[in-house]
C-alpha atoms as a PDB file:
ATOM      1  CA  UNK A   1       0.000   0.000   0.000  1.00  0.00           C
ATOM      2  CA  UNK A   2       1.434   3.399  -0.958  1.00  0.00           C
ATOM      3  CA  UNK A   3       0.495   6.825  -2.256  1.00  0.00           C
ATOM      4  CA  UNK A   4       0.546   7.297  -6.038  1.00  0.00           C
ATOM      5  CA  UNK A   5       1.062  10.918  -7.021  1.00  0.00           C
ATOM      6  CA  UNK A   6       0.682  13.167 -10.037  1.00  0.00           C
ATOM      7  CA  UNK A   7       0.861  16.926 -10.525  1.00  0.00           C
ATOM      8  CA  UNK A   8      -2.448  18.395 -11.710  1.00  0.00           C
ATOM      9  CA  UNK A   9      -1.526  22.089 -11.403  1.00  0.00           C
ATOM     10  CA  UNK A  10       1.809  23.914 -10.951  1.00  0.00           C
ATOM     11  CA  UNK A  11       1.517  23.865  -7.147  1.00  0.00           C
ATOM     12  CA  UNK A  12      -0.984  21.069  -6.582  1.00  0.00           C
ATOM     13  CA  UNK A  13      -0.292  17.329  -6.434  1.00  0.00           C
ATOM     14  CA  UNK A  14      -3.035  14.701  -6.393  1.00  0.00           C
ATOM     15  CA  UNK A  15      -2.236  11.676  -4.221  1.00  0.00           C
ATOM     16  CA  UNK A  16      -4.182   8.379  -4.342  1.00  0.00           C
ATOM     17  CA  UNK A  17      -4.021   5.491  -1.905  1.00  0.00           C
ATOM     18  CA  UNK A  18      -5.554   2.031  -2.438  1.00  0.00           C
ATOM     19  CA  UNK A  19      -5.827  -0.269   0.582  1.00  0.00           C
ATOM     20  CA  UNK A  20      -6.704  -3.974   0.630  1.00  0.00           C
ATOM     21  CA  UNK A  21      -8.346  -3.652  -2.807  1.00  0.00           C
ATOM     22  CA  UNK A  22     -11.378  -2.163  -1.025  1.00  0.00           C
ATOM     23  CA  UNK A  23     -10.609   1.361   0.125  1.00  0.00           C
ATOM     24  CA  UNK A  24      -9.539   4.406  -1.839  1.00  0.00           C
ATOM     25  CA  UNK A  25      -8.537   7.835  -0.568  1.00  0.00           C
ATOM     26  CA  UNK A  26      -7.721  10.756  -2.871  1.00  0.00           C
ATOM     27  CA  UNK A  27      -6.276  14.004  -1.533  1.00  0.00           C
ATOM     28  CA  UNK A  28      -4.802  17.213  -2.900  1.00  0.00           C
ATOM     29  CA  UNK A  29      -1.430  18.479  -1.699  1.00  0.00           C
ATOM     30  CA  UNK A  30      -1.142  22.228  -2.211  1.00  0.00           C
ATOM     31  CA  UNK A  31       2.290  23.736  -1.608  1.00  0.00           C
ATOM     32  CA  UNK A  32       4.365  26.908  -1.910  1.00  0.00           C
ATOM     33  CA  UNK A  33       7.562  28.294  -0.409  1.00  0.00           C
ATOM     34  CA  UNK A  34       5.918  28.618   3.007  1.00  0.00           C
ATOM     35  CA  UNK A  35       4.615  25.083   3.382  1.00  0.00           C
ATOM     36  CA  UNK A  36       1.987  22.597   2.241  1.00  0.00           C
ATOM     37  CA  UNK A  37      -1.612  21.626   2.967  1.00  0.00           C
ATOM     38  CA  UNK A  38      -3.344  18.256   2.487  1.00  0.00           C
ATOM     39  CA  UNK A  39      -7.071  18.410   1.700  1.00  0.00           C
ATOM     40  CA  UNK A  40      -9.668  15.709   1.104  1.00  0.00           C
ATOM     41  CA  UNK A  41     -10.867  15.215  -2.491  1.00  0.00           C
ATOM     42  CA  UNK A  42     -12.787  11.911  -2.612  1.00  0.00           C
ATOM     43  CA  UNK A  43     -12.887   8.345  -1.274  1.00  0.00           C
ATOM     44  CA  UNK A  44     -14.396   4.886  -1.721  1.00  0.00           C
ATOM     45  CA  UNK A  45     -15.776   2.768   1.164  1.00  0.00           C
ATOM     46  CA  UNK A  46     -14.513   5.174   3.846  1.00  0.00           C
ATOM     47  CA  UNK A  47     -17.982   6.336   4.956  1.00  0.00           C
ATOM     48  CA  UNK A  48     -17.331  10.005   4.252  1.00  0.00           C
ATOM     49  CA  UNK A  49     -20.185  12.285   5.356  1.00  0.00           C
ATOM     50  CA  UNK A  50     -19.957  15.805   3.956  1.00  0.00           C
ATOM     51  CA  UNK A  51     -22.612  17.207   6.285  1.00  0.00           C
ATOM     52  CA  UNK A  52     -20.953  16.060   9.489  1.00  0.00           C
ATOM     53  CA  UNK A  53     -17.454  16.133   7.980  1.00  0.00           C
ATOM     54  CA  UNK A  54     -16.717  12.618   9.273  1.00  0.00           C
ATOM     55  CA  UNK A  55     -14.821   9.721   7.728  1.00  0.00           C
ATOM     56  CA  UNK A  56     -13.386   6.304   8.652  1.00  0.00           C
ATOM     57  CA  UNK A  57     -10.623   6.533  11.265  1.00  0.00           C
ATOM     58  CA  UNK A  58      -8.137   4.878   8.895  1.00  0.00           C
ATOM     59  CA  UNK A  59      -8.206   7.997   6.727  1.00  0.00           C
ATOM     60  CA  UNK A  60      -6.711  10.178   9.465  1.00  0.00           C
ATOM     61  CA  UNK A  61      -4.031   7.579  10.117  1.00  0.00           C
ATOM     62  CA  UNK A  62      -3.104   7.445   6.427  1.00  0.00           C
ATOM     63  CA  UNK A  63      -2.963  11.243   6.189  1.00  0.00           C
ATOM     64  CA  UNK A  64      -0.721  11.388   9.247  1.00  0.00           C
ATOM     65  CA  UNK A  65       1.622   8.896   7.577  1.00  0.00           C
ATOM     66  CA  UNK A  66       1.602  10.893   4.337  1.00  0.00           C
ATOM     67  CA  UNK A  67       2.390  14.096   6.196  1.00  0.00           C
ATOM     68  CA  UNK A  68       5.245  12.385   8.030  1.00  0.00           C
ATOM     69  CA  UNK A  69       6.702  11.179   4.728  1.00  0.00           C
ATOM     70  CA  UNK A  70       6.481  14.670   3.231  1.00  0.00           C
ATOM     71  CA  UNK A  71       8.183  16.154   6.277  1.00  0.00           C
ATOM     72  CA  UNK A  72      11.052  13.671   5.912  1.00  0.00           C
ATOM     73  CA  UNK A  73      11.615  14.915   2.381  1.00  0.00           C
ATOM     74  CA  UNK A  74      11.368  18.588   3.227  1.00  0.00           C
ATOM     75  CA  UNK A  75      13.664  18.483   6.232  1.00  0.00           C
ATOM     76  CA  UNK A  76      16.632  17.732   3.965  1.00  0.00           C
ATOM     77  CA  UNK A  77      16.106  20.479   1.386  1.00  0.00           C
ATOM     78  CA  UNK A  78      16.441  24.244   1.595  1.00  0.00           C
ATOM     79  CA  UNK A  79      13.256  25.073  -0.309  1.00  0.00           C
ATOM     80  CA  UNK A  80      10.055  23.252  -1.210  1.00  0.00           C
ATOM     81  CA  UNK A  81      10.689  22.053  -4.740  1.00  0.00           C
ATOM     82  CA  UNK A  82       8.096  19.445  -3.971  1.00  0.00           C
ATOM     83  CA  UNK A  83       7.347  18.014  -7.382  1.00  0.00           C
ATOM     84  CA  UNK A  84      11.011  17.413  -8.090  1.00  0.00           C
ATOM     85  CA  UNK A  85      11.661  15.702  -4.773  1.00  0.00           C
ATOM     86  CA  UNK A  86       8.598  13.510  -4.783  1.00  0.00           C
ATOM     87  CA  UNK A  87       9.129  12.109  -8.273  1.00  0.00           C
ATOM     88  CA  UNK A  88      12.867  11.538  -8.376  1.00  0.00           C
ATOM     89  CA  UNK A  89      15.098   9.211  -6.418  1.00  0.00           C
ATOM     90  CA  UNK A  90      18.649   8.106  -7.128  1.00  0.00           C
ATOM     91  CA  UNK A  91      18.805   4.310  -7.210  1.00  0.00           C
ATOM     92  CA  UNK A  92      22.542   4.113  -7.932  1.00  0.00           C
ATOM     93  CA  UNK A  93      24.173   1.746  -5.462  1.00  0.00           C
ATOM     94  CA  UNK A  94      20.937   1.374  -3.498  1.00  0.00           C
ATOM     95  CA  UNK A  95      19.240  -1.885  -2.537  1.00  0.00           C
ATOM     96  CA  UNK A  96      15.771  -2.474  -3.973  1.00  0.00           C
ATOM     97  CA  UNK A  97      13.600  -4.930  -2.064  1.00  0.00           C
ATOM     98  CA  UNK A  98      10.737  -6.976  -3.490  1.00  0.00           C
ATOM     99  CA  UNK A  99       8.430  -9.502  -1.842  1.00  0.00           C
ATOM    100  CA  UNK A 100       8.517 -13.103  -3.143  1.00  0.00           C
ATOM    101  CA  UNK A 101       4.969 -12.938  -4.494  1.00  0.00           C
ATOM    102  CA  UNK A 102       3.324 -10.409  -6.775  1.00  0.00           C
ATOM    103  CA  UNK A 103      -0.076  -9.114  -5.678  1.00  0.00           C
ATOM    104  CA  UNK A 104      -3.159 -10.291  -7.546  1.00  0.00           C
ATOM    105  CA  UNK A 105      -5.269  -7.312  -8.596  1.00  0.00           C
ATOM    106  CA  UNK A 106      -9.042  -7.149  -8.404  1.00  0.00           C
ATOM    107  CA  UNK A 107      -9.639  -7.398 -12.161  1.00  0.00           C
ATOM    108  CA  UNK A 108     -12.024 -10.013 -13.515  1.00  0.00           C
ATOM    109  CA  UNK A 109      -9.380 -10.722 -16.163  1.00  0.00           C
ATOM    110  CA  UNK A 110      -7.391 -13.026 -13.884  1.00  0.00           C
ATOM    111  CA  UNK A 111      -8.451 -16.628 -14.553  1.00  0.00           C
ATOM    112  CA  UNK A 112      -8.818 -18.632 -11.360  1.00  0.00           C
ATOM    113  CA  UNK A 113      -7.205 -21.773 -12.788  1.00  0.00           C
ATOM    114  CA  UNK A 114      -4.142 -19.813 -13.937  1.00  0.00           C
ATOM    115  CA  UNK A 115      -3.956 -18.093 -10.564  1.00  0.00           C
ATOM    116  CA  UNK A 116      -4.052 -21.376  -8.668  1.00  0.00           C
ATOM    117  CA  UNK A 117      -1.970 -23.661 -10.900  1.00  0.00           C
ATOM    118  CA  UNK A 118       0.617 -21.652 -12.855  1.00  0.00           C
ATOM    119  CA  UNK A 119       2.449 -19.923  -9.958  1.00  0.00           C
ATOM    120  CA  UNK A 120       2.672 -16.697 -11.934  1.00  0.00           C
ATOM    121  CA  UNK A 121       2.869 -14.594  -8.754  1.00  0.00           C
ATOM    122  CA  UNK A 122       6.235 -16.063  -7.740  1.00  0.00           C
ATOM    123  CA  UNK A 123       7.368 -16.698 -11.297  1.00  0.00           C
ATOM    124  CA  UNK A 124       7.274 -13.057 -12.370  1.00  0.00           C
ATOM    125  CA  UNK A 125       9.264 -11.930  -9.320  1.00  0.00           C
ATOM    126  CA  UNK A 126      11.996 -14.488  -9.976  1.00  0.00           C
ATOM    127  CA  UNK A 127      12.286 -13.443 -13.623  1.00  0.00           C
ATOM    128  CA  UNK A 128      12.468  -9.753 -12.682  1.00  0.00           C
ATOM    129  CA  UNK A 129      15.205 -10.340 -10.115  1.00  0.00           C
ATOM    130  CA  UNK A 130      17.163 -12.634 -12.435  1.00  0.00           C
ATOM    131  CA  UNK A 131      17.154 -10.070 -15.240  1.00  0.00           C
ATOM    132  CA  UNK A 132      17.701  -6.999 -13.047  1.00  0.00           C
ATOM    133  CA  UNK A 133      20.886  -8.494 -11.648  1.00  0.00           C
ATOM    134  CA  UNK A 134      22.240  -8.872 -15.191  1.00  0.00           C
ATOM    135  CA  UNK A 135      22.153  -5.063 -15.327  1.00  0.00           C
ATOM    136  CA  UNK A 136      23.842  -4.656 -11.927  1.00  0.00           C
ATOM    137  CA  UNK A 137      20.643  -3.724 -10.098  1.00  0.00           C
ATOM    138  CA  UNK A 138      21.014  -4.576  -6.413  1.00  0.00           C
ATOM    139  CA  UNK A 139      17.637  -6.248  -5.852  1.00  0.00           C
ATOM    140  CA  UNK A 140      16.755  -8.603  -3.000  1.00  0.00           C
ATOM    141  CA  UNK A 141      13.701 -10.813  -2.414  1.00  0.00           C
ATOM    142  CA  UNK A 142      12.508 -10.520   1.177  1.00  0.00           C
ATOM    143  CA  UNK A 143       9.272 -11.413   2.984  1.00  0.00           C
ATOM    144  CA  UNK A 144       9.502  -8.436   5.339  1.00  0.00           C
ATOM    145  CA  UNK A 145      10.616  -5.168   3.751  1.00  0.00           C
ATOM    146  CA  UNK A 146      12.876  -3.103   6.055  1.00  0.00           C
ATOM    147  CA  UNK A 147      11.580   0.243   7.300  1.00  0.00           C
ATOM    148  CA  UNK A 148      12.562   3.185   5.056  1.00  0.00           C
ATOM    149  CA  UNK A 149      13.692   0.759   2.322  1.00  0.00           C
ATOM    150  CA  UNK A 150      13.196   1.230  -1.417  1.00  0.00           C
ATOM    151  CA  UNK A 151      10.601  -1.320  -2.514  1.00  0.00           C
ATOM    152  CA  UNK A 152       9.433  -2.639  -5.868  1.00  0.00           C
ATOM    153  CA  UNK A 153       5.750  -3.625  -5.772  1.00  0.00           C
ATOM    154  CA  UNK A 154       4.348  -5.767  -8.571  1.00  0.00           C
ATOM    155  CA  UNK A 155       0.615  -6.326  -9.173  1.00  0.00           C
ATOM    156  CA  UNK A 156      -0.871  -8.865 -11.591  1.00  0.00           C
ATOM    157  CA  UNK A 157      -3.563  -6.987 -13.506  1.00  0.00           C
ATOM    158  CA  UNK A 158      -4.455  -9.542 -16.166  1.00  0.00           C
ATOM    159  CA  UNK A 159      -3.857 -13.246 -16.833  1.00  0.00           C
ATOM    160  CA  UNK A 160      -6.333 -14.913 -19.187  1.00  0.00           C
ATOM    161  CA  UNK A 161      -6.607 -17.437 -21.992  1.00  0.00           C
ATOM    162  CA  UNK A 162      -9.345 -16.893 -24.578  1.00  0.00           C
ATOM    163  CA  UNK A 163     -10.378 -19.133 -27.464  1.00  0.00           C
ATOM    164  CA  UNK A 164     -10.283 -17.638 -30.936  1.00  0.00           C
ATOM    165  CA  UNK A 165     -10.917 -18.975 -34.437  1.00  0.00           C
ATOM    166  CA  UNK A 166      -7.652 -20.919 -34.717  1.00  0.00           C
ATOM    167  CA  UNK A 167      -6.546 -21.525 -31.118  1.00  0.00           C
ATOM    168  CA  UNK A 168      -6.093 -19.518 -27.948  1.00  0.00           C
ATOM    169  CA  UNK A 169      -4.818 -16.038 -27.145  1.00  0.00           C
ATOM    170  CA  UNK A 170      -3.125 -15.659 -23.780  1.00  0.00           C
ATOM    171  CA  UNK A 171      -2.593 -12.275 -22.163  1.00  0.00           C
ATOM    172  CA  UNK A 172      -0.745 -11.195 -19.036  1.00  0.00           C
ATOM    173  CA  UNK A 173      -0.194  -7.681 -17.769  1.00  0.00           C
ATOM    174  CA  UNK A 174       1.438  -6.277 -14.660  1.00  0.00           C
ATOM    175  CA  UNK A 175       1.739  -2.921 -12.971  1.00  0.00           C
ATOM    176  CA  UNK A 176       4.673  -1.986 -10.814  1.00  0.00           C
ATOM    177  CA  UNK A 177       5.906   0.886  -8.723  1.00  0.00           C
ATOM    178  CA  UNK A 178       9.023   1.864  -6.826  1.00  0.00           C
ATOM    179  CA  UNK A 179       8.130   3.304  -3.444  1.00  0.00           C
ATOM    180  CA  UNK A 180       9.861   4.622  -0.356  1.00  0.00           C
ATOM    181  CA  UNK A 181       8.170   5.920   2.790  1.00  0.00           C
ATOM    182  CA  UNK A 182       4.759   5.299   1.169  1.00  0.00           C
ATOM    183  CA  UNK A 183       5.587   7.641  -1.724  1.00  0.00           C
ATOM    184  CA  UNK A 184       5.565   6.334  -5.304  1.00  0.00           C
ATOM    185  CA  UNK A 185       8.557   7.553  -7.319  1.00  0.00           C
ATOM    186  CA  UNK A 186       8.259   5.490 -10.501  1.00  0.00           C
ATOM    187  CA  UNK A 187       5.403   3.480 -11.996  1.00  0.00           C
ATOM    188  CA  UNK A 188       5.168   1.061 -14.887  1.00  0.00           C
ATOM    189  CA  UNK A 189       2.746  -1.125 -16.849  1.00  0.00           C
ATOM    190  CA  UNK A 190       4.065  -4.180 -18.704  1.00  0.00           C
ATOM    191  CA  UNK A 191       2.133  -6.654 -20.835  1.00  0.00           C
ATOM    192  CA  UNK A 192       2.682  -9.499 -23.265  1.00  0.00           C
ATOM    193  CA  UNK A 193       0.494 -11.911 -25.185  1.00  0.00           C
ATOM    194  CA  UNK A 194       0.752 -15.194 -27.042  1.00  0.00           C
ATOM    195  CA  UNK A 195      -1.463 -15.297 -30.107  1.00  0.00           C
ATOM    196  CA  UNK A 196      -2.983 -18.491 -31.515  1.00  0.00           C
ATOM    197  CA  UNK A 197      -1.513 -20.868 -28.969  1.00  0.00           C
ATOM    198  CA  UNK A 198      -2.821 -24.395 -29.481  1.00  0.00           C
ATOM    199  CA  UNK A 199      -2.965 -24.970 -25.723  1.00  0.00           C
ATOM    200  CA  UNK A 200      -6.206 -24.325 -23.916  1.00  0.00           C
ATOM    201  CA  UNK A 201      -6.004 -26.733 -20.998  1.00  0.00           C
ATOM    202  CA  UNK A 202      -4.199 -26.124 -17.742  1.00  0.00           C
ATOM    203  CA  UNK A 203      -1.339 -28.504 -18.469  1.00  0.00           C
ATOM    204  CA  UNK A 204      -0.544 -26.773 -21.741  1.00  0.00           C
ATOM    205  CA  UNK A 205      -1.129 -23.137 -20.880  1.00  0.00           C
ATOM    206  CA  UNK A 206       1.207 -22.856 -17.862  1.00  0.00           C
ATOM    207  CA  UNK A 207       4.350 -23.225 -20.052  1.00  0.00           C
ATOM    208  CA  UNK A 208       2.983 -20.517 -22.352  1.00  0.00           C
ATOM    209  CA  UNK A 209       2.488 -18.137 -19.426  1.00  0.00           C
ATOM    210  CA  UNK A 210       5.986 -18.994 -18.245  1.00  0.00           C
ATOM    211  CA  UNK A 211       7.354 -17.718 -21.562  1.00  0.00           C
ATOM    212  CA  UNK A 212       5.173 -14.614 -21.361  1.00  0.00           C
ATOM    213  CA  UNK A 213       6.390 -13.895 -17.840  1.00  0.00           C
ATOM    214  CA  UNK A 214       9.976 -14.492 -18.875  1.00  0.00           C
ATOM    215  CA  UNK A 215       9.621 -11.699 -21.442  1.00  0.00           C
ATOM    216  CA  UNK A 216       7.873  -9.354 -19.014  1.00  0.00           C
ATOM    217  CA  UNK A 217      10.473 -10.103 -16.344  1.00  0.00           C
ATOM    218  CA  UNK A 218      13.218  -9.190 -18.801  1.00  0.00           C
ATOM    219  CA  UNK A 219      11.469  -5.922 -19.718  1.00  0.00           C
ATOM    220  CA  UNK A 220      11.012  -4.875 -16.097  1.00  0.00           C
ATOM    221  CA  UNK A 221      14.525  -5.981 -15.169  1.00  0.00           C
ATOM    222  CA  UNK A 222      15.977  -3.716 -17.860  1.00  0.00           C
ATOM    223  CA  UNK A 223      13.678  -0.856 -16.798  1.00  0.00           C
ATOM    224  CA  UNK A 224      14.984  -1.082 -13.231  1.00  0.00           C
ATOM    225  CA  UNK A 225      18.479  -0.275 -14.478  1.00  0.00           C
ATOM    226  CA  UNK A 226      17.239   3.169 -15.554  1.00  0.00           C
ATOM    227  CA  UNK A 227      13.634   3.690 -14.383  1.00  0.00           C
ATOM    228  CA  UNK A 228      11.440   6.341 -15.972  1.00  0.00           C
ATOM    229  CA  UNK A 229       8.072   7.202 -14.477  1.00  0.00           C
ATOM    230  CA  UNK A 230       4.760   6.188 -16.060  1.00  0.00           C
ATOM    231  CA  UNK A 231       6.181   3.839 -18.707  1.00  0.00           C
ATOM    232  CA  UNK A 232       4.392   1.127 -20.686  1.00  0.00           C
ATOM    233  CA  UNK A 233       6.441  -1.895 -21.763  1.00  0.00           C
ATOM    234  CA  UNK A 234       5.745  -4.926 -23.935  1.00  0.00           C
ATOM    235  CA  UNK A 235       2.920  -5.378 -26.431  1.00  0.00           C
END
């Protein structure tokens, strides 16, 4: 869980947080040379009541964490060049941590049999790490991410096999982000597909998804060597 940010006006940043695939909080961060202010914009499943100005208690906790992260950034700079600081981070020589399993997104385009049998959640992580190390990226798989560490988060957005006129088309797509202190610095979307595969059953389609994930893992591994924000890779 982390804040995803984008600038919507010269001195206003929109920050979004998604929690447990159920809750969404969107805020605006307005800033100038004197300081910054976080204001509520919208939410999902947080029981916001405009008349009484009340909301789920988790919201206040998340905002406190966001404010703390912003303060950590600002304490080390002379002026509030907020957009620059929040969207750039030097990864040279740094350790990037990733959990052993990718997160399954909430999309209906993730087939249950593929999810249960093909081990794509661990497979994609292993391919990413394997390829990133070829480009001298210092990346480590770890169940518990250290506090204040740089983390790569990978989410499986799509994994399906659909019958067509001559066989099967298999698609897989992933989103990823590099975060630190709950702030997203770089984001990515990567996808691949196999067209007209003859395999439709579980036994046959897992090897096809392995090849797809091998290609996606290579793409993301290369991207980690020189990450650029908001990039789309693959097909």
